[in-house]
């Protein structure tokens, strides 16, 4: 997300501006790891992303979480526990398990419940 995204809090805009270099390094690390896993089948797959979701934490507006879910483009299910006030969406991007998490005091918008799917996200 760019530092001009209106859905980010001022703290997130500051962090994103400071983390641009770290973000590029992180992505390079993911790409390098993917290449290593492709060429070395003797290395087991990581636990995170296979058994538990690779987690993304949203502390800004609910729109940022919803936008990320749409961009990723996989099917999402509501993984919030009964009575939880958190937003938890689980999905799979090919064989990679993902988890999007937001907190209602920091994520604006309705919290999904057992009776209602997150609007427009669950296929």
PDB file of N, CA and C in Angstrom:
ATOM      1  N   UNK A   1       0.843  -1.177   0.000  1.00  0.00           N
ATOM      2  CA  UNK A   1       0.000   0.000   0.000  1.00  0.00           C
ATOM      3  C   UNK A   1       0.883   1.234   0.000  1.00  0.00           C
ATOM      4  N   UNK A   2       0.460   2.224  -0.720  1.00  0.00           N
ATOM      5  CA  UNK A   2       1.260   3.433  -0.791  1.00  0.00           C
ATOM      6  C   UNK A   2       1.023   4.296   0.435  1.00  0.00           C
ATOM      7  N   UNK A   3       1.962   5.213   0.674  1.00  0.00           N
ATOM      8  CA  UNK A   3       1.839   6.090   1.833  1.00  0.00           C
ATOM      9  C   UNK A   3       0.705   7.092   1.659  1.00  0.00           C
ATOM     10  N   UNK A   4       0.086   7.184   0.471  1.00  0.00           N
ATOM     11  CA  UNK A   4      -1.027   8.098   0.245  1.00  0.00           C
ATOM     12  C   UNK A   4      -2.377   7.409   0.373  1.00  0.00           C
ATOM     13  N   UNK A   5      -2.412   6.151   0.742  1.00  0.00           N
ATOM     14  CA  UNK A   5      -3.659   5.412   0.893  1.00  0.00           C
ATOM     15  C   UNK A   5      -4.505   6.061   1.989  1.00  0.00           C
ATOM     16  N   UNK A   6      -5.725   6.555   1.673  1.00  0.00           N
ATOM     17  CA  UNK A   6      -6.556   7.213   2.675  1.00  0.00           C
ATOM     18  C   UNK A   6      -7.086   6.268   3.740  1.00  0.00           C
ATOM     19  N   UNK A   7      -6.974   4.956   3.526  1.00  0.00           N
ATOM     20  CA  UNK A   7      -7.462   3.988   4.515  1.00  0.00           C
ATOM     21  C   UNK A   7      -6.453   3.701   5.614  1.00  0.00           C
ATOM     22  N   UNK A   8      -5.254   4.282   5.528  1.00  0.00           N
ATOM     23  CA  UNK A   8      -4.228   4.045   6.532  1.00  0.00           C
ATOM     24  C   UNK A   8      -4.293   5.102   7.622  1.00  0.00           C
ATOM     25  N   UNK A   9      -3.963   4.689   8.846  1.00  0.00           N
ATOM     26  CA  UNK A   9      -3.829   5.645   9.937  1.00  0.00           C
ATOM     27  C   UNK A   9      -2.524   6.409   9.750  1.00  0.00           C
ATOM     28  N   UNK A  10      -2.355   7.511  10.466  1.00  0.00           N
ATOM     29  CA  UNK A  10      -1.113   8.285  10.333  1.00  0.00           C
ATOM     30  C   UNK A  10       0.083   7.438  10.760  1.00  0.00           C
ATOM     31  N   UNK A  11      -0.077   6.580  11.776  1.00  0.00           N
ATOM     32  CA  UNK A  11       1.009   5.706  12.208  1.00  0.00           C
ATOM     33  C   UNK A  11       1.391   4.748  11.078  1.00  0.00           C
ATOM     34  N   UNK A  12       0.387   4.168  10.413  1.00  0.00           N
ATOM     35  CA  UNK A  12       0.666   3.238   9.313  1.00  0.00           C
ATOM     36  C   UNK A  12       1.348   3.945   8.146  1.00  0.00           C
ATOM     37  N   UNK A  13       0.937   5.185   7.842  1.00  0.00           N
ATOM     38  CA  UNK A  13       1.595   5.932   6.758  1.00  0.00           C
ATOM     39  C   UNK A  13       3.060   6.158   7.098  1.00  0.00           C
ATOM     40  N   UNK A  14       3.349   6.488   8.357  1.00  0.00           N
ATOM     41  CA  UNK A  14       4.736   6.688   8.792  1.00  0.00           C
ATOM     42  C   UNK A  14       5.517   5.389   8.681  1.00  0.00           C
ATOM     43  N   UNK A  15       4.918   4.281   9.129  1.00  0.00           N
ATOM     44  CA  UNK A  15       5.592   2.986   9.070  1.00  0.00           C
ATOM     45  C   UNK A  15       5.848   2.564   7.638  1.00  0.00           C
ATOM     46  N   UNK A  16       4.856   2.739   6.760  1.00  0.00           N
ATOM     47  CA  UNK A  16       5.030   2.354   5.361  1.00  0.00           C
ATOM     48  C   UNK A  16       6.146   3.149   4.703  1.00  0.00           C
ATOM     49  N   UNK A  17       6.220   4.443   4.982  1.00  0.00           N
ATOM     50  CA  UNK A  17       7.278   5.269   4.402  1.00  0.00           C
ATOM     51  C   UNK A  17       8.646   4.781   4.882  1.00  0.00           C
ATOM     52  N   UNK A  18       8.751   4.426   6.169  1.00  0.00           N
ATOM     53  CA  UNK A  18      10.020   3.960   6.732  1.00  0.00           C
ATOM     54  C   UNK A  18      10.356   2.544   6.283  1.00  0.00           C
ATOM     55  N   UNK A  19       9.341   1.756   5.934  1.00  0.00           N
ATOM     56  CA  UNK A  19       9.541   0.339   5.630  1.00  0.00           C
ATOM     57  C   UNK A  19       9.666   0.020   4.146  1.00  0.00           C
ATOM     58  N   UNK A  20       9.675   1.016   3.275  1.00  0.00           N
ATOM     59  CA  UNK A  20       9.750   0.723   1.846  1.00  0.00           C
ATOM     60  C   UNK A  20      10.937  -0.172   1.508  1.00  0.00           C
ATOM     61  N   UNK A  21      12.115   0.113   2.061  1.00  0.00           N
ATOM     62  CA  UNK A  21      13.289  -0.728   1.822  1.00  0.00           C
ATOM     63  C   UNK A  21      13.130  -2.106   2.429  1.00  0.00           C
ATOM     64  N   UNK A  22      12.576  -2.176   3.630  1.00  0.00           N
ATOM     65  CA  UNK A  22      12.356  -3.465   4.290  1.00  0.00           C
ATOM     66  C   UNK A  22      11.350  -4.303   3.514  1.00  0.00           C
ATOM     67  N   UNK A  23      10.335  -3.656   2.952  1.00  0.00           N
ATOM     68  CA  UNK A  23       9.330  -4.376   2.170  1.00  0.00           C
ATOM     69  C   UNK A  23       9.980  -5.036   0.959  1.00  0.00           C
ATOM     70  N   UNK A  24      10.837  -4.283   0.255  1.00  0.00           N
ATOM     71  CA  UNK A  24      11.530  -4.829  -0.915  1.00  0.00           C
ATOM     72  C   UNK A  24      12.420  -6.003  -0.520  1.00  0.00           C
ATOM     73  N   UNK A  25      13.117  -5.886   0.617  1.00  0.00           N
ATOM     74  CA  UNK A  25      13.969  -6.986   1.092  1.00  0.00           C
ATOM     75  C   UNK A  25      13.131  -8.211   1.457  1.00  0.00           C
ATOM     76  N   UNK A  26      11.997  -7.990   2.092  1.00  0.00           N
ATOM     77  CA  UNK A  26      11.110  -9.080   2.486  1.00  0.00           C
ATOM     78  C   UNK A  26      10.617  -9.832   1.243  1.00  0.00           C
ATOM     79  N   UNK A  27      10.152  -9.081   0.241  1.00  0.00           N
ATOM     80  CA  UNK A  27       9.659  -9.694  -0.996  1.00  0.00           C
ATOM     81  C   UNK A  27      10.774 -10.456  -1.698  1.00  0.00           C
ATOM     82  N   UNK A  28      11.976  -9.892  -1.724  1.00  0.00           N
ATOM     83  CA  UNK A  28      13.124 -10.589  -2.323  1.00  0.00           C
ATOM     84  C   UNK A  28      13.397 -11.898  -1.582  1.00  0.00           C
ATOM     85  N   UNK A  29      13.257 -11.869  -0.257  1.00  0.00           N
ATOM     86  CA  UNK A  29      13.444 -13.083   0.530  1.00  0.00           C
ATOM     87  C   UNK A  29      12.402 -14.136   0.205  1.00  0.00           C
ATOM     88  N   UNK A  30      11.142 -13.728   0.044  1.00  0.00           N
ATOM     89  CA  UNK A  30      10.089 -14.675  -0.327  1.00  0.00           C
ATOM     90  C   UNK A  30      10.360 -15.292  -1.697  1.00  0.00           C
ATOM     91  N   UNK A  31      10.777 -14.449  -2.644  1.00  0.00           N
ATOM     92  CA  UNK A  31      11.081 -14.959  -3.986  1.00  0.00           C
ATOM     93  C   UNK A  31      12.255 -15.932  -3.953  1.00  0.00           C
ATOM     94  N   UNK A  32      13.292 -15.599  -3.187  1.00  0.00           N
ATOM     95  CA  UNK A  32      14.455 -16.487  -3.071  1.00  0.00           C
ATOM     96  C   UNK A  32      14.061 -17.812  -2.427  1.00  0.00           C
ATOM     97  N   UNK A  33      13.249 -17.748  -1.370  1.00  0.00           N
ATOM     98  CA  UNK A  33      12.792 -18.971  -0.707  1.00  0.00           C
ATOM     99  C   UNK A  33      11.969 -19.827  -1.662  1.00  0.00           C
ATOM    100  N   UNK A  34      11.081 -19.210  -2.434  1.00  0.00           N
ATOM    101  CA  UNK A  34      10.275 -19.968  -3.401  1.00  0.00           C
ATOM    102  C   UNK A  34      11.177 -20.687  -4.396  1.00  0.00           C
ATOM    103  N   UNK A  35      12.204 -20.018  -4.883  1.00  0.00           N
ATOM    104  CA  UNK A  35      13.132 -20.650  -5.831  1.00  0.00           C
ATOM    105  C   UNK A  35      13.901 -21.794  -5.194  1.00  0.00           C
ATOM    106  N   UNK A  36      14.305 -21.623  -3.945  1.00  0.00           N
ATOM    107  CA  UNK A  36      15.012 -22.694  -3.227  1.00  0.00           C
ATOM    108  C   UNK A  36      14.098 -23.903  -3.069  1.00  0.00           C
ATOM    109  N   UNK A  37      12.831 -23.658  -2.662  1.00  0.00           N
ATOM    110  CA  UNK A  37      11.890 -24.773  -2.474  1.00  0.00           C
ATOM    111  C   UNK A  37      11.600 -25.488  -3.784  1.00  0.00           C
ATOM    112  N   UNK A  38      11.579 -24.748  -4.906  1.00  0.00           N
ATOM    113  CA  UNK A  38      11.351 -25.362  -6.218  1.00  0.00           C
ATOM    114  C   UNK A  38      12.501 -26.291  -6.603  1.00  0.00           C
ATOM    115  N   UNK A  39      13.712 -25.887  -6.299  1.00  0.00           N
ATOM    116  CA  UNK A  39      14.879 -26.642  -6.769  1.00  0.00           C
ATOM    117  C   UNK A  39      15.434 -27.627  -5.746  1.00  0.00           C
ATOM    118  N   UNK A  40      14.921 -27.602  -4.523  1.00  0.00           N
ATOM    119  CA  UNK A  40      15.412 -28.512  -3.471  1.00  0.00           C
ATOM    120  C   UNK A  40      14.241 -29.194  -2.772  1.00  0.00           C
ATOM    121  N   UNK A  41      13.678 -30.236  -3.396  1.00  0.00           N
ATOM    122  CA  UNK A  41      12.523 -30.904  -2.796  1.00  0.00           C
ATOM    123  C   UNK A  41      12.844 -31.588  -1.468  1.00  0.00           C
ATOM    124  N   UNK A  42      14.111 -31.723  -1.133  1.00  0.00           N
ATOM    125  CA  UNK A  42      14.478 -32.333   0.153  1.00  0.00           C
ATOM    126  C   UNK A  42      14.210 -31.390   1.328  1.00  0.00           C
ATOM    127  N   UNK A  43      14.018 -30.102   1.050  1.00  0.00           N
ATOM    128  CA  UNK A  43      13.710 -29.131   2.110  1.00  0.00           C
ATOM    129  C   UNK A  43      12.196 -29.142   2.317  1.00  0.00           C
ATOM    130  N   UNK A  44      11.744 -29.388   3.553  1.00  0.00           N
ATOM    131  CA  UNK A  44      10.297 -29.414   3.791  1.00  0.00           C
ATOM    132  C   UNK A  44       9.687 -28.017   3.639  1.00  0.00           C
ATOM    133  N   UNK A  45       8.391 -28.001   3.362  1.00  0.00           N
ATOM    134  CA  UNK A  45       7.690 -26.728   3.273  1.00  0.00           C
ATOM    135  C   UNK A  45       7.577 -26.095   4.653  1.00  0.00           C
ATOM    136  N   UNK A  46       7.585 -24.768   4.725  1.00  0.00           N
ATOM    137  CA  UNK A  46       7.439 -24.097   6.027  1.00  0.00           C
ATOM    138  C   UNK A  46       6.088 -24.409   6.669  1.00  0.00           C
ATOM    139  N   UNK A  47       6.061 -24.398   7.984  1.00  0.00           N
ATOM    140  CA  UNK A  47       4.842 -24.617   8.760  1.00  0.00           C
ATOM    141  C   UNK A  47       3.852 -23.476   8.511  1.00  0.00           C
ATOM    142  N   UNK A  48       4.340 -22.226   8.624  1.00  0.00           N
ATOM    143  CA  UNK A  48       3.493 -21.059   8.377  1.00  0.00           C
ATOM    144  C   UNK A  48       3.137 -21.015   6.901  1.00  0.00           C
ATOM    145  N   UNK A  49       1.849 -20.892   6.630  1.00  0.00           N
ATOM    146  CA  UNK A  49       1.388 -20.875   5.256  1.00  0.00           C
ATOM    147  C   UNK A  49       0.950 -22.238   4.765  1.00  0.00           C
ATOM    148  N   UNK A  50       1.303 -23.277   5.516  1.00  0.00           N
ATOM    149  CA  UNK A  50       0.902 -24.634   5.151  1.00  0.00           C
ATOM    150  C   UNK A  50      -0.065 -25.182   6.186  1.00  0.00           C
ATOM    151  N   UNK A  51       0.329 -25.161   7.455  1.00  0.00           N
ATOM    152  CA  UNK A  51      -0.512 -25.673   8.538  1.00  0.00           C
ATOM    153  C   UNK A  51      -1.303 -24.532   9.186  1.00  0.00           C
ATOM    154  N   UNK A  52      -0.630 -23.439   9.459  1.00  0.00           N
ATOM    155  CA  UNK A  52      -1.300 -22.238   9.973  1.00  0.00           C
ATOM    156  C   UNK A  52      -1.174 -21.164   8.909  1.00  0.00           C
ATOM    157  N   UNK A  53      -2.106 -20.251   8.907  1.00  0.00           N
ATOM    158  CA  UNK A  53      -2.108 -19.208   7.893  1.00  0.00           C
ATOM    159  C   UNK A  53      -0.941 -18.248   8.019  1.00  0.00           C
ATOM    160  N   UNK A  54      -0.421 -17.851   6.875  1.00  0.00           N
ATOM    161  CA  UNK A  54       0.553 -16.765   6.829  1.00  0.00           C
ATOM    162  C   UNK A  54      -0.250 -15.510   7.124  1.00  0.00           C
ATOM    163  N   UNK A  55       0.052 -14.848   8.243  1.00  0.00           N
ATOM    164  CA  UNK A  55      -0.817 -13.806   8.756  1.00  0.00           C
ATOM    165  C   UNK A  55      -0.512 -12.397   8.280  1.00  0.00           C
ATOM    166  N   UNK A  56      -1.584 -11.648   8.051  1.00  0.00           N
ATOM    167  CA  UNK A  56      -1.536 -10.228   7.727  1.00  0.00           C
ATOM    168  C   UNK A  56      -2.382  -9.514   8.767  1.00  0.00           C
ATOM    169  N   UNK A  57      -1.810  -8.516   9.437  1.00  0.00           N
ATOM    170  CA  UNK A  57      -2.514  -7.784  10.490  1.00  0.00           C
ATOM    171  C   UNK A  57      -2.907  -6.405   9.982  1.00  0.00           C
ATOM    172  N   UNK A  58      -4.183  -6.070  10.110  1.00  0.00           N
ATOM    173  CA  UNK A  58      -4.711  -4.776   9.687  1.00  0.00           C
ATOM    174  C   UNK A  58      -5.130  -3.987  10.921  1.00  0.00           C
ATOM    175  N   UNK A  59      -4.517  -2.823  11.091  1.00  0.00           N
ATOM    176  CA  UNK A  59      -4.823  -1.987  12.247  1.00  0.00           C
ATOM    177  C   UNK A  59      -5.479  -0.683  11.835  1.00  0.00           C
ATOM    178  N   UNK A  60      -5.752  -0.516  10.543  1.00  0.00           N
ATOM    179  CA  UNK A  60      -6.388   0.705  10.052  1.00  0.00           C
ATOM    180  C   UNK A  60      -7.854   0.473   9.788  1.00  0.00           C
ATOM    181  N   UNK A  61      -8.351   1.058   8.749  1.00  0.00           N
ATOM    182  CA  UNK A  61      -9.765   0.950   8.408  1.00  0.00           C
ATOM    183  C   UNK A  61     -10.087  -0.411   7.805  1.00  0.00           C
ATOM    184  N   UNK A  62     -11.316  -0.852   7.980  1.00  0.00           N
ATOM    185  CA  UNK A  62     -11.777  -2.132   7.441  1.00  0.00           C
ATOM    186  C   UNK A  62     -11.600  -2.185   5.922  1.00  0.00           C
ATOM    187  N   UNK A  63     -11.677  -1.030   5.267  1.00  0.00           N
ATOM    188  CA  UNK A  63     -11.541  -0.986   3.819  1.00  0.00           C
ATOM    189  C   UNK A  63     -10.187  -1.540   3.370  1.00  0.00           C
ATOM    190  N   UNK A  64      -9.136  -1.345   4.157  1.00  0.00           N
ATOM    191  CA  UNK A  64      -7.813  -1.865   3.793  1.00  0.00           C
ATOM    192  C   UNK A  64      -7.805  -3.393   3.818  1.00  0.00           C
ATOM    193  N   UNK A  65      -8.434  -3.989   4.820  1.00  0.00           N
ATOM    194  CA  UNK A  65      -8.535  -5.449   4.903  1.00  0.00           C
ATOM    195  C   UNK A  65      -9.360  -5.977   3.730  1.00  0.00           C
ATOM    196  N   UNK A  66     -10.500  -5.345   3.463  1.00  0.00           N
ATOM    197  CA  UNK A  66     -11.353  -5.784   2.358  1.00  0.00           C
ATOM    198  C   UNK A  66     -10.635  -5.644   1.015  1.00  0.00           C
ATOM    199  N   UNK A  67      -9.905  -4.547   0.832  1.00  0.00           N
ATOM    200  CA  UNK A  67      -9.180  -4.329  -0.426  1.00  0.00           C
ATOM    201  C   UNK A  67      -8.105  -5.402  -0.610  1.00  0.00           C
ATOM    202  N   UNK A  68      -7.385  -5.743   0.457  1.00  0.00           N
ATOM    203  CA  UNK A  68      -6.358  -6.789   0.370  1.00  0.00           C
ATOM    204  C   UNK A  68      -6.996  -8.125  -0.002  1.00  0.00           C
ATOM    205  N   UNK A  69      -8.132  -8.431   0.592  1.00  0.00           N
ATOM    206  CA  UNK A  69      -8.822  -9.692   0.290  1.00  0.00           C
ATOM    207  C   UNK A  69      -9.211  -9.748  -1.181  1.00  0.00           C
ATOM    208  N   UNK A  70      -9.682  -8.620  -1.717  1.00  0.00           N
ATOM    209  CA  UNK A  70     -10.060  -8.589  -3.135  1.00  0.00           C
ATOM    210  C   UNK A  70      -8.844  -8.728  -4.042  1.00  0.00           C
ATOM    211  N   UNK A  71      -7.753  -8.032  -3.716  1.00  0.00           N
ATOM    212  CA  UNK A  71      -6.546  -8.077  -4.548  1.00  0.00           C
ATOM    213  C   UNK A  71      -5.955  -9.479  -4.568  1.00  0.00           C
ATOM    214  N   UNK A  72      -5.924 -10.137  -3.411  1.00  0.00           N
ATOM    215  CA  UNK A  72      -5.380 -11.498  -3.338  1.00  0.00           C
ATOM    216  C   UNK A  72      -6.243 -12.432  -4.173  1.00  0.00           C
ATOM    217  N   UNK A  73      -7.543 -12.245  -4.136  1.00  0.00           N
ATOM    218  CA  UNK A  73      -8.435 -12.901  -5.079  1.00  0.00           C
ATOM    219  C   UNK A  73      -8.769 -14.355  -4.842  1.00  0.00           C
ATOM    220  N   UNK A  74      -8.480 -14.895  -3.688  1.00  0.00           N
ATOM    221  CA  UNK A  74      -8.880 -16.279  -3.423  1.00  0.00           C
ATOM    222  C   UNK A  74     -10.226 -16.290  -2.701  1.00  0.00           C
ATOM    223  N   UNK A  75     -10.768 -17.464  -2.470  1.00  0.00           N
ATOM    224  CA  UNK A  75     -12.002 -17.594  -1.691  1.00  0.00           C
ATOM    225  C   UNK A  75     -11.662 -17.415  -0.218  1.00  0.00           C
ATOM    226  N   UNK A  76     -12.499 -16.694   0.489  1.00  0.00           N
ATOM    227  CA  UNK A  76     -12.268 -16.426   1.914  1.00  0.00           C
ATOM    228  C   UNK A  76     -13.386 -17.002   2.744  1.00  0.00           C
ATOM    229  N   UNK A  77     -13.045 -17.482   3.939  1.00  0.00           N
ATOM    230  CA  UNK A  77     -14.053 -17.926   4.899  1.00  0.00           C
ATOM    231  C   UNK A  77     -13.851 -17.136   6.186  1.00  0.00           C
ATOM    232  N   UNK A  78     -14.939 -16.931   6.889  1.00  0.00           N
ATOM    233  CA  UNK A  78     -14.904 -16.236   8.171  1.00  0.00           C
ATOM    234  C   UNK A  78     -14.362 -17.212   9.215  1.00  0.00           C
ATOM    235  N   UNK A  79     -13.198 -16.919   9.767  1.00  0.00           N
ATOM    236  CA  UNK A  79     -12.564 -17.809  10.733  1.00  0.00           C
ATOM    237  C   UNK A  79     -12.662 -17.269  12.155  1.00  0.00           C
ATOM    238  N   UNK A  80     -13.479 -16.241  12.369  1.00  0.00           N
ATOM    239  CA  UNK A  80     -13.625 -15.673  13.715  1.00  0.00           C
ATOM    240  C   UNK A  80     -14.318 -16.681  14.625  1.00  0.00           C
ATOM    241  N   UNK A  81     -13.838 -16.770  15.843  1.00  0.00           N
ATOM    242  CA  UNK A  81     -14.462 -17.647  16.837  1.00  0.00           C
ATOM    243  C   UNK A  81     -15.773 -17.014  17.300  1.00  0.00           C
ATOM    244  N   UNK A  82     -16.724 -17.832  17.704  1.00  0.00           N
ATOM    245  CA  UNK A  82     -17.990 -17.331  18.217  1.00  0.00           C
ATOM    246  C   UNK A  82     -17.712 -16.366  19.363  1.00  0.00           C
ATOM    247  N   UNK A  83     -18.318 -15.195  19.287  1.00  0.00           N
ATOM    248  CA  UNK A  83     -18.138 -14.199  20.325  1.00  0.00           C
ATOM    249  C   UNK A  83     -16.912 -13.326  20.151  1.00  0.00           C
ATOM    250  N   UNK A  84     -16.069 -13.644  19.184  1.00  0.00           N
ATOM    251  CA  UNK A  84     -14.866 -12.852  18.957  1.00  0.00           C
ATOM    252  C   UNK A  84     -15.242 -11.498  18.387  1.00  0.00           C
ATOM    253  N   UNK A  85     -14.515 -10.493  18.773  1.00  0.00           N
ATOM    254  CA  UNK A  85     -14.740  -9.164  18.220  1.00  0.00           C
ATOM    255  C   UNK A  85     -13.724  -8.852  17.127  1.00  0.00           C
ATOM    256  N   UNK A  86     -12.929  -9.837  16.747  1.00  0.00           N
ATOM    257  CA  UNK A  86     -11.925  -9.654  15.698  1.00  0.00           C
ATOM    258  C   UNK A  86     -12.467 -10.119  14.353  1.00  0.00           C
ATOM    259  N   UNK A  87     -11.903  -9.579  13.296  1.00  0.00           N
ATOM    260  CA  UNK A  87     -12.189 -10.034  11.950  1.00  0.00           C
ATOM    261  C   UNK A  87     -11.077 -11.000  11.576  1.00  0.00           C
ATOM    262  N   UNK A  88     -11.427 -12.234  11.231  1.00  0.00           N
ATOM    263  CA  UNK A  88     -10.450 -13.238  10.802  1.00  0.00           C
ATOM    264  C   UNK A  88     -10.961 -13.865   9.508  1.00  0.00           C
ATOM    265  N   UNK A  89     -10.245 -13.655   8.428  1.00  0.00           N
ATOM    266  CA  UNK A  89     -10.595 -14.285   7.167  1.00  0.00           C
ATOM    267  C   UNK A  89      -9.487 -15.254   6.784  1.00  0.00           C
ATOM    268  N   UNK A  90      -9.865 -16.494   6.454  1.00  0.00           N
ATOM    269  CA  UNK A  90      -8.903 -17.497   5.998  1.00  0.00           C
ATOM    270  C   UNK A  90      -9.127 -17.774   4.531  1.00  0.00           C
ATOM    271  N   UNK A  91      -8.016 -17.955   3.810  1.00  0.00           N
ATOM    272  CA  UNK A  91      -8.106 -18.292   2.401  1.00  0.00           C
ATOM    273  C   UNK A  91      -6.896 -19.088   1.967  1.00  0.00           C
ATOM    274  N   UNK A  92      -6.962 -19.592   0.751  1.00  0.00           N
ATOM    275  CA  UNK A  92      -5.835 -20.325   0.169  1.00  0.00           C
ATOM    276  C   UNK A  92      -5.506 -19.718  -1.181  1.00  0.00           C
ATOM    277  N   UNK A  93      -4.253 -19.353  -1.345  1.00  0.00           N
ATOM    278  CA  UNK A  93      -3.732 -18.869  -2.611  1.00  0.00           C
ATOM    279  C   UNK A  93      -2.915 -20.020  -3.166  1.00  0.00           C
ATOM    280  N   UNK A  94      -3.542 -20.780  -4.060  1.00  0.00           N
ATOM    281  CA  UNK A  94      -2.992 -22.059  -4.523  1.00  0.00           C
ATOM    282  C   UNK A  94      -2.782 -22.924  -3.284  1.00  0.00           C
ATOM    283  N   UNK A  95      -1.576 -23.321  -2.942  1.00  0.00           N
ATOM    284  CA  UNK A  95      -1.349 -24.170  -1.765  1.00  0.00           C
ATOM    285  C   UNK A  95      -0.952 -23.402  -0.518  1.00  0.00           C
ATOM    286  N   UNK A  96      -0.981 -22.077  -0.572  1.00  0.00           N
ATOM    287  CA  UNK A  96      -0.543 -21.236   0.550  1.00  0.00           C
ATOM    288  C   UNK A  96      -1.742 -20.774   1.365  1.00  0.00           C
ATOM    289  N   UNK A  97      -1.755 -21.150   2.655  1.00  0.00           N
ATOM    290  CA  UNK A  97      -2.837 -20.761   3.548  1.00  0.00           C
ATOM    291  C   UNK A  97      -2.568 -19.337   4.063  1.00  0.00           C
ATOM    292  N   UNK A  98      -3.593 -18.471   3.981  1.00  0.00           N
ATOM    293  CA  UNK A  98      -3.463 -17.075   4.390  1.00  0.00           C
ATOM    294  C   UNK A  98      -4.480 -16.744   5.467  1.00  0.00           C
ATOM    295  N   UNK A  99      -4.139 -15.785   6.322  1.00  0.00           N
ATOM    296  CA  UNK A  99      -5.047 -15.305   7.361  1.00  0.00           C
ATOM    297  C   UNK A  99      -4.968 -13.784   7.403  1.00  0.00           C
ATOM    298  N   UNK A 100      -6.120 -13.135   7.207  1.00  0.00           N
ATOM    299  CA  UNK A 100      -6.217 -11.681   7.337  1.00  0.00           C
ATOM    300  C   UNK A 100      -6.910 -11.400   8.659  1.00  0.00           C
ATOM    301  N   UNK A 101      -6.298 -10.578   9.510  1.00  0.00           N
ATOM    302  CA  UNK A 101      -6.835 -10.298  10.840  1.00  0.00           C
ATOM    303  C   UNK A 101      -6.948  -8.799  11.051  1.00  0.00           C
ATOM    304  N   UNK A 102      -8.063  -8.384  11.624  1.00  0.00           N
ATOM    305  CA  UNK A 102      -8.262  -6.995  12.005  1.00  0.00           C
ATOM    306  C   UNK A 102      -8.996  -6.930  13.325  1.00  0.00           C
ATOM    307  N   UNK A 103      -8.825  -5.827  14.037  1.00  0.00           N
ATOM    308  CA  UNK A 103      -9.453  -5.650  15.338  1.00  0.00           C
ATOM    309  C   UNK A 103     -10.489  -4.537  15.247  1.00  0.00           C
ATOM    310  N   UNK A 104     -11.701  -4.744  15.788  1.00  0.00           N
ATOM    311  CA  UNK A 104     -12.788  -3.786  15.590  1.00  0.00           C
ATOM    312  C   UNK A 104     -12.525  -2.411  16.172  1.00  0.00           C
ATOM    313  N   UNK A 105     -11.688  -2.314  17.212  1.00  0.00           N
ATOM    314  CA  UNK A 105     -11.403  -0.992  17.742  1.00  0.00           C
ATOM    315  C   UNK A 105     -10.455  -0.236  16.814  1.00  0.00           C
ATOM    316  N   UNK A 106      -9.834  -0.963  15.880  1.00  0.00           N
ATOM    317  CA  UNK A 106      -8.920  -0.336  14.935  1.00  0.00           C
ATOM    318  C   UNK A 106      -9.375  -0.531  13.502  1.00  0.00           C
ATOM    319  N   UNK A 107     -10.251  -1.504  13.262  1.00  0.00           N
ATOM    320  CA  UNK A 107     -10.746  -1.772  11.916  1.00  0.00           C
ATOM    321  C   UNK A 107     -12.214  -1.360  11.879  1.00  0.00           C
ATOM    322  N   UNK A 108     -12.499  -0.316  11.127  1.00  0.00           N
ATOM    323  CA  UNK A 108     -13.870   0.175  11.039  1.00  0.00           C
ATOM    324  C   UNK A 108     -14.723  -0.767  10.214  1.00  0.00           C
ATOM    325  N   UNK A 109     -15.995  -0.815  10.534  1.00  0.00           N
ATOM    326  CA  UNK A 109     -16.917  -1.639   9.765  1.00  0.00           C
ATOM    327  C   UNK A 109     -17.447  -2.774  10.603  1.00  0.00           C
ATOM    328  N   UNK A 110     -18.464  -3.458  10.094  1.00  0.00           N
ATOM    329  CA  UNK A 110     -19.079  -4.535  10.855  1.00  0.00           C
ATOM    330  C   UNK A 110     -18.139  -5.724  11.026  1.00  0.00           C
ATOM    331  N   UNK A 111     -18.257  -6.368  12.158  1.00  0.00           N
ATOM    332  CA  UNK A 111     -17.479  -7.567  12.435  1.00  0.00           C
ATOM    333  C   UNK A 111     -18.264  -8.760  11.928  1.00  0.00           C
ATOM    334  N   UNK A 112     -17.649  -9.638  11.100  1.00  0.00           N
ATOM    335  CA  UNK A 112     -18.386 -10.809  10.614  1.00  0.00           C
ATOM    336  C   UNK A 112     -18.872 -11.674  11.770  1.00  0.00           C
ATOM    337  N   UNK A 113     -20.011 -12.296  11.598  1.00  0.00           N
ATOM    338  CA  UNK A 113     -20.536 -13.218  12.597  1.00  0.00           C
ATOM    339  C   UNK A 113     -20.804 -14.549  11.928  1.00  0.00           C
ATOM    340  N   UNK A 114     -21.214 -15.532  12.717  1.00  0.00           N
ATOM    341  CA  UNK A 114     -21.529 -16.846  12.149  1.00  0.00           C
ATOM    342  C   UNK A 114     -22.668 -16.753  11.153  1.00  0.00           C
ATOM    343  N   UNK A 115     -23.570 -15.790  11.346  1.00  0.00           N
ATOM    344  CA  UNK A 115     -24.761 -15.681  10.515  1.00  0.00           C
ATOM    345  C   UNK A 115     -24.533 -14.901   9.224  1.00  0.00           C
ATOM    346  N   UNK A 116     -23.385 -14.250   9.077  1.00  0.00           N
ATOM    347  CA  UNK A 116     -23.196 -13.358   7.956  1.00  0.00           C
ATOM    348  C   UNK A 116     -21.776 -13.471   7.434  1.00  0.00           C
ATOM    349  N   UNK A 117     -21.641 -13.632   6.119  1.00  0.00           N
ATOM    350  CA  UNK A 117     -20.334 -13.691   5.501  1.00  0.00           C
ATOM    351  C   UNK A 117     -19.805 -12.284   5.293  1.00  0.00           C
ATOM    352  N   UNK A 118     -18.483 -12.082   5.312  1.00  0.00           N
ATOM    353  CA  UNK A 118     -17.944 -10.763   5.011  1.00  0.00           C
ATOM    354  C   UNK A 118     -18.389 -10.348   3.605  1.00  0.00           C
ATOM    355  N   UNK A 119     -18.936  -9.181   3.486  1.00  0.00           N
ATOM    356  CA  UNK A 119     -19.574  -8.716   2.243  1.00  0.00           C
ATOM    357  C   UNK A 119     -18.616  -8.795   1.064  1.00  0.00           C
ATOM    358  N   UNK A 120     -19.030  -9.540   0.048  1.00  0.00           N
ATOM    359  CA  UNK A 120     -18.314  -9.578  -1.208  1.00  0.00           C
ATOM    360  C   UNK A 120     -16.997 -10.333  -1.192  1.00  0.00           C
ATOM    361  N   UNK A 121     -16.666 -11.018  -0.111  1.00  0.00           N
ATOM    362  CA  UNK A 121     -15.353 -11.637  -0.039  1.00  0.00           C
ATOM    363  C   UNK A 121     -15.394 -13.156  -0.098  1.00  0.00           C
ATOM    364  N   UNK A 122     -16.421 -13.763   0.422  1.00  0.00           N
ATOM    365  CA  UNK A 122     -16.458 -15.218   0.480  1.00  0.00           C
ATOM    366  C   UNK A 122     -17.080 -15.743  -0.800  1.00  0.00           C
ATOM    367  N   UNK A 123     -16.323 -16.593  -1.501  1.00  0.00           N
ATOM    368  CA  UNK A 123     -16.832 -17.146  -2.763  1.00  0.00           C
ATOM    369  C   UNK A 123     -17.471 -18.484  -2.511  1.00  0.00           C
TER     370      UNK A 123
END
